Amino acid sequence: MGPKDVIRSTLDTSDFIIKAYLKDLSDADLRLRPVEGMHPIALQLGHLIVAERMFKEWIKPGSAPPLPEGFQEAHDLKKDDGDDARFATKDEYLKLWDEQRAATIAVLNGISDAELDDTRDGKLPQFVPTVGAVLNMAGLHPINHSGQFVAVRRMLKKPIAF
């Protein structure tokens, strides 16, 4: 197994986890706030989609599919004003998720193992200093947020997802 295979595995694992947690949730469930101060899944999911797009753009500008007008602003975690009407449907989120993830995998498939060590002339953030670290973060970042999805699932008494 080479380094790109490991990154691909991380991407596949996070895709599985997110979809397993979402599979039996409704649009209304995505807007629930199970604990005061916790963002709803819809806001977090939109944030993950925006972030994955950004990660690709750091590596290969122009490689990420565009997002709907106002989507990024509507999913800014720092501007959660409690107006959940701005959120999309689960099907819309999953469509955008799949589009961005497919583009991430295309970027991964289109680079060499050697390019994983590229720092893009030091322009990448310190927490992801190489192309490989950025691509791996695209897989890790959703796993970081998925724990918060569990709070909604438990509140709704949903079965363990996997």
C-alpha atoms as a PDB file:
ATOM      1  CA  MET A   1       0.000   0.000   0.000  1.00  0.00           C
ATOM      2  CA  GLY A   2       1.433   3.334  -1.053  1.00  0.00           C
ATOM      3  CA  PRO A   3       0.836   6.788   0.425  1.00  0.00           C
ATOM      4  CA  LYS A   4      -1.947   7.631  -2.031  1.00  0.00           C
ATOM      5  CA  ASP A   5      -3.691   4.377  -1.076  1.00  0.00           C
ATOM      6  CA  VAL A   6      -3.576   5.395   2.590  1.00  0.00           C
ATOM      7  CA  ILE A   7      -5.071   8.807   1.808  1.00  0.00           C
ATOM      8  CA  ARG A   8      -7.722   7.172  -0.386  1.00  0.00           C
ATOM      9  CA  SER A   9      -8.580   4.845   2.516  1.00  0.00           C
ATOM     10  CA  THR A  10      -8.979   7.816   4.865  1.00  0.00           C
ATOM     11  CA  LEU A  11     -11.256   9.522   2.329  1.00  0.00           C
ATOM     12  CA  ASP A  12     -13.308   6.344   1.889  1.00  0.00           C
ATOM     13  CA  THR A  13     -13.606   5.810   5.651  1.00  0.00           C
ATOM     14  CA  SER A  14     -14.858   9.320   6.318  1.00  0.00           C
ATOM     15  CA  ASP A  15     -17.323   9.021   3.425  1.00  0.00           C
ATOM     16  CA  PHE A  16     -18.651   5.793   4.940  1.00  0.00           C
ATOM     17  CA  ILE A  17     -18.944   7.307   8.438  1.00  0.00           C
ATOM     18  CA  ILE A  18     -20.739  10.473   7.323  1.00  0.00           C
ATOM     19  CA  LYS A  19     -23.197   8.570   5.143  1.00  0.00           C
ATOM     20  CA  ALA A  20     -23.846   5.950   7.831  1.00  0.00           C
ATOM     21  CA  TYR A  21     -24.696   8.699  10.329  1.00  0.00           C
ATOM     22  CA  LEU A  22     -26.956  10.508   7.853  1.00  0.00           C
ATOM     23  CA  LYS A  23     -28.755   7.551   6.253  1.00  0.00           C
ATOM     24  CA  ASP A  24     -31.834   7.541   8.508  1.00  0.00           C
ATOM     25  CA  LEU A  25     -31.979  11.233   9.406  1.00  0.00           C
ATOM     26  CA  SER A  26     -34.573  13.597   7.953  1.00  0.00           C
ATOM     27  CA  ASP A  27     -34.090  17.156   6.794  1.00  0.00           C
ATOM     28  CA  ALA A  28     -35.597  18.307  10.105  1.00  0.00           C
ATOM     29  CA  ASP A  29     -33.181  16.085  12.050  1.00  0.00           C
ATOM     30  CA  LEU A  30     -30.254  17.851  10.373  1.00  0.00           C
ATOM     31  CA  ARG A  31     -31.432  21.115  11.945  1.00  0.00           C
ATOM     32  CA  LEU A  32     -31.642  19.871  15.539  1.00  0.00           C
ATOM     33  CA  ARG A  33     -29.403  21.383  18.196  1.00  0.00           C
ATOM     34  CA  PRO A  34     -29.109  18.682  20.846  1.00  0.00           C
ATOM     35  CA  VAL A  35     -26.971  20.719  23.228  1.00  0.00           C
ATOM     36  CA  GLU A  36     -26.939  24.469  23.747  1.00  0.00           C
ATOM     37  CA  GLY A  37     -24.141  25.952  21.684  1.00  0.00           C
ATOM     38  CA  MET A  38     -23.786  22.913  19.405  1.00  0.00           C
ATOM     39  CA  HIS A  39     -24.117  23.502  15.704  1.00  0.00           C
ATOM     40  CA  PRO A  40     -26.752  21.496  13.851  1.00  0.00           C
ATOM     41  CA  ILE A  41     -25.593  18.780  11.486  1.00  0.00           C
ATOM     42  CA  ALA A  42     -26.729  20.870   8.505  1.00  0.00           C
ATOM     43  CA  LEU A  43     -24.338  23.675   9.409  1.00  0.00           C
ATOM     44  CA  GLN A  44     -21.479  21.262  10.067  1.00  0.00           C
ATOM     45  CA  LEU A  45     -22.120  19.303   6.874  1.00  0.00           C
ATOM     46  CA  GLY A  46     -22.135  22.495   4.834  1.00  0.00           C
ATOM     47  CA  HIS A  47     -18.918  23.550   6.565  1.00  0.00           C
ATOM     48  CA  LEU A  48     -17.317  20.204   5.662  1.00  0.00           C
ATOM     49  CA  ILE A  49     -18.323  20.614   2.017  1.00  0.00           C
ATOM     50  CA  VAL A  50     -16.940  24.167   1.914  1.00  0.00           C
ATOM     51  CA  ALA A  51     -13.706  23.061   3.595  1.00  0.00           C
ATOM     52  CA  GLU A  52     -13.168  20.136   1.248  1.00  0.00           C
ATOM     53  CA  ARG A  53     -13.603  22.481  -1.698  1.00  0.00           C
ATOM     54  CA  MET A  54     -11.063  24.862  -0.160  1.00  0.00           C
ATOM     55  CA  PHE A  55      -8.551  22.042   0.404  1.00  0.00           C
ATOM     56  CA  LYS A  56      -8.625  21.167  -3.301  1.00  0.00           C
ATOM     57  CA  GLU A  57      -8.257  24.787  -4.320  1.00  0.00           C
ATOM     58  CA  TRP A  58      -5.112  25.066  -2.183  1.00  0.00           C
ATOM     59  CA  ILE A  59      -3.605  22.184  -4.131  1.00  0.00           C
ATOM     60  CA  LYS A  60      -4.950  22.665  -7.640  1.00  0.00           C
ATOM     61  CA  PRO A  61      -6.858  25.913  -8.222  1.00  0.00           C
ATOM     62  CA  GLY A  62      -9.886  25.450 -10.429  1.00  0.00           C
ATOM     63  CA  SER A  63     -10.244  21.739  -9.648  1.00  0.00           C
ATOM     64  CA  ALA A  64     -13.222  22.027  -7.303  1.00  0.00           C
ATOM     65  CA  PRO A  65     -16.823  22.159  -8.517  1.00  0.00           C
ATOM     66  CA  PRO A  66     -18.530  25.438  -7.646  1.00  0.00           C
ATOM     67  CA  LEU A  67     -20.953  25.642  -4.736  1.00  0.00           C
ATOM     68  CA  PRO A  68     -24.404  27.224  -4.948  1.00  0.00           C
ATOM     69  CA  GLU A  69     -24.591  30.987  -4.545  1.00  0.00           C
ATOM     70  CA  GLY A  70     -24.412  31.924  -0.844  1.00  0.00           C
ATOM     71  CA  PHE A  71     -23.644  28.370   0.301  1.00  0.00           C
ATOM     72  CA  GLN A  72     -20.282  29.188   1.849  1.00  0.00           C
ATOM     73  CA  GLU A  73     -21.644  32.169   3.765  1.00  0.00           C
ATOM     74  CA  ALA A  74     -24.658  30.171   4.979  1.00  0.00           C
ATOM     75  CA  HIS A  75     -22.341  27.532   6.457  1.00  0.00           C
ATOM     76  CA  ASP A  76     -19.808  29.724   8.239  1.00  0.00           C
ATOM     77  CA  LEU A  77     -19.463  28.195  11.716  1.00  0.00           C
ATOM     78  CA  LYS A  78     -18.512  31.571  13.162  1.00  0.00           C
ATOM     79  CA  LYS A  79     -21.763  33.161  11.972  1.00  0.00           C
ATOM     80  CA  ASP A  80     -24.331  30.718  13.338  1.00  0.00           C
ATOM     81  CA  ASP A  81     -27.213  33.061  14.057  1.00  0.00           C
ATOM     82  CA  GLY A  82     -29.796  30.323  14.688  1.00  0.00           C
ATOM     83  CA  ASP A  83     -31.559  30.918  11.349  1.00  0.00           C
ATOM     84  CA  ASP A  84     -31.907  27.356  10.167  1.00  0.00           C
ATOM     85  CA  ALA A  85     -34.040  28.328   7.154  1.00  0.00           C
ATOM     86  CA  ARG A  86     -30.810  28.893   5.215  1.00  0.00           C
ATOM     87  CA  PHE A  87     -29.936  25.200   5.270  1.00  0.00           C
ATOM     88  CA  ALA A  88     -30.314  22.794   2.366  1.00  0.00           C
ATOM     89  CA  THR A  89     -31.989  19.391   2.290  1.00  0.00           C
ATOM     90  CA  LYS A  90     -30.147  16.178   3.086  1.00  0.00           C
ATOM     91  CA  ASP A  91     -30.304  15.188  -0.578  1.00  0.00           C
ATOM     92  CA  GLU A  92     -28.771  18.519  -1.618  1.00  0.00           C
ATOM     93  CA  TYR A  93     -25.979  18.138   0.933  1.00  0.00           C
ATOM     94  CA  LEU A  94     -25.245  14.593  -0.191  1.00  0.00           C
ATOM     95  CA  LYS A  95     -25.123  15.668  -3.838  1.00  0.00           C
ATOM     96  CA  LEU A  96     -22.638  18.446  -3.023  1.00  0.00           C
ATOM     97  CA  TRP A  97     -20.678  16.111  -0.746  1.00  0.00           C
ATOM     98  CA  ASP A  98     -20.353  13.523  -3.526  1.00  0.00           C
ATOM     99  CA  GLU A  99     -19.346  16.153  -6.101  1.00  0.00           C
ATOM    100  CA  GLN A 100     -16.619  17.595  -3.881  1.00  0.00           C
ATOM    101  CA  ARG A 101     -15.376  14.172  -2.785  1.00  0.00           C
ATOM    102  CA  ALA A 102     -15.168  12.940  -6.387  1.00  0.00           C
ATOM    103  CA  ALA A 103     -13.129  16.013  -7.264  1.00  0.00           C
ATOM    104  CA  THR A 104     -10.824  15.402  -4.278  1.00  0.00           C
ATOM    105  CA  ILE A 105     -10.227  11.841  -5.444  1.00  0.00           C
ATOM    106  CA  ALA A 106      -9.586  13.105  -8.974  1.00  0.00           C
ATOM    107  CA  VAL A 107      -6.932  15.485  -7.637  1.00  0.00           C
ATOM    108  CA  LEU A 108      -5.378  12.647  -5.626  1.00  0.00           C
ATOM    109  CA  ASN A 109      -5.378  10.370  -8.665  1.00  0.00           C
ATOM    110  CA  GLY A 110      -3.825  13.089 -10.812  1.00  0.00           C
ATOM    111  CA  ILE A 111      -0.694  13.666  -8.746  1.00  0.00           C
ATOM    112  CA  SER A 112       2.427  11.613  -8.247  1.00  0.00           C
ATOM    113  CA  ASP A 113       3.597  10.163  -4.941  1.00  0.00           C
ATOM    114  CA  ALA A 114       6.474  12.649  -5.031  1.00  0.00           C
ATOM    115  CA  GLU A 115       4.041  15.568  -5.278  1.00  0.00           C
ATOM    116  CA  LEU A 116       2.526  14.580  -1.921  1.00  0.00           C
ATOM    117  CA  ASP A 117       5.595  16.205  -0.314  1.00  0.00           C
ATOM    118  CA  ASP A 118       5.128  19.486  -2.212  1.00  0.00           C
ATOM    119  CA  THR A 119       4.645  22.500   0.060  1.00  0.00           C
ATOM    120  CA  ARG A 120       3.309  24.766  -2.693  1.00  0.00           C
ATOM    121  CA  ASP A 121       6.198  27.129  -1.943  1.00  0.00           C
ATOM    122  CA  GLY A 122       5.210  27.386   1.722  1.00  0.00           C
ATOM    123  CA  LYS A 123       1.730  28.700   0.913  1.00  0.00           C
ATOM    124  CA  LEU A 124      -0.115  25.877   2.688  1.00  0.00           C
ATOM    125  CA  PRO A 125      -1.199  26.356   6.321  1.00  0.00           C
ATOM    126  CA  GLN A 126       1.115  25.008   9.022  1.00  0.00           C
ATOM    127  CA  PHE A 127      -1.428  22.384  10.099  1.00  0.00           C
ATOM    128  CA  VAL A 128      -1.303  20.883   6.571  1.00  0.00           C
ATOM    129  CA  PRO A 129       2.148  21.831   5.245  1.00  0.00           C
ATOM    130  CA  THR A 130       2.217  19.456   2.256  1.00  0.00           C
ATOM    131  CA  VAL A 131      -0.126  18.374  -0.541  1.00  0.00           C
ATOM    132  CA  GLY A 132      -0.369  14.948   1.099  1.00  0.00           C
ATOM    133  CA  ALA A 133      -1.307  16.472   4.449  1.00  0.00           C
ATOM    134  CA  VAL A 134      -4.028  18.570   2.797  1.00  0.00           C
ATOM    135  CA  LEU A 135      -5.503  15.549   1.036  1.00  0.00           C
ATOM    136  CA  ASN A 136      -5.352  13.489   4.209  1.00  0.00           C
ATOM    137  CA  MET A 137      -7.090  16.311   6.097  1.00  0.00           C
ATOM    138  CA  ALA A 138      -9.940  16.099   3.579  1.00  0.00           C
ATOM    139  CA  GLY A 139     -10.520  12.611   4.971  1.00  0.00           C
ATOM    140  CA  LEU A 140      -9.826  13.383   8.634  1.00  0.00           C
ATOM    141  CA  HIS A 141     -11.832  16.585   8.947  1.00  0.00           C
ATOM    142  CA  PRO A 142     -15.259  14.925   8.542  1.00  0.00           C
ATOM    143  CA  ILE A 143     -14.357  12.331  11.166  1.00  0.00           C
ATOM    144  CA  ASN A 144     -13.635  15.185  13.579  1.00  0.00           C
ATOM    145  CA  HIS A 145     -17.169  16.546  13.141  1.00  0.00           C
ATOM    146  CA  SER A 146     -18.926  13.181  13.006  1.00  0.00           C
ATOM    147  CA  GLY A 147     -18.823  12.823  16.772  1.00  0.00           C
ATOM    148  CA  GLN A 148     -21.236  15.717  16.994  1.00  0.00           C
ATOM    149  CA  PHE A 149     -23.598  13.920  14.615  1.00  0.00           C
ATOM    150  CA  VAL A 150     -23.846  11.144  17.208  1.00  0.00           C
ATOM    151  CA  ALA A 151     -25.390  13.552  19.734  1.00  0.00           C
ATOM    152  CA  VAL A 152     -28.342  14.089  17.393  1.00  0.00           C
ATOM    153  CA  ARG A 153     -28.638  10.357  16.730  1.00  0.00           C
ATOM    154  CA  ARG A 154     -28.686   9.596  20.460  1.00  0.00           C
ATOM    155  CA  MET A 155     -31.232  12.330  21.135  1.00  0.00           C
ATOM    156  CA  LEU A 156     -33.475  10.796  18.462  1.00  0.00           C
ATOM    157  CA  LYS A 157     -32.857   7.271  19.805  1.00  0.00           C
ATOM    158  CA  LYS A 158     -31.536   6.130  16.446  1.00  0.00           C
ATOM    159  CA  PRO A 159     -29.716   2.793  16.254  1.00  0.00           C
ATOM    160  CA  ILE A 160     -25.951   2.638  16.291  1.00  0.00           C
ATOM    161  CA  ALA A 161     -24.973   3.419  12.701  1.00  0.00           C
ATOM    162  CA  PHE A 162     -22.080   0.981  12.333  1.00  0.00           C
END
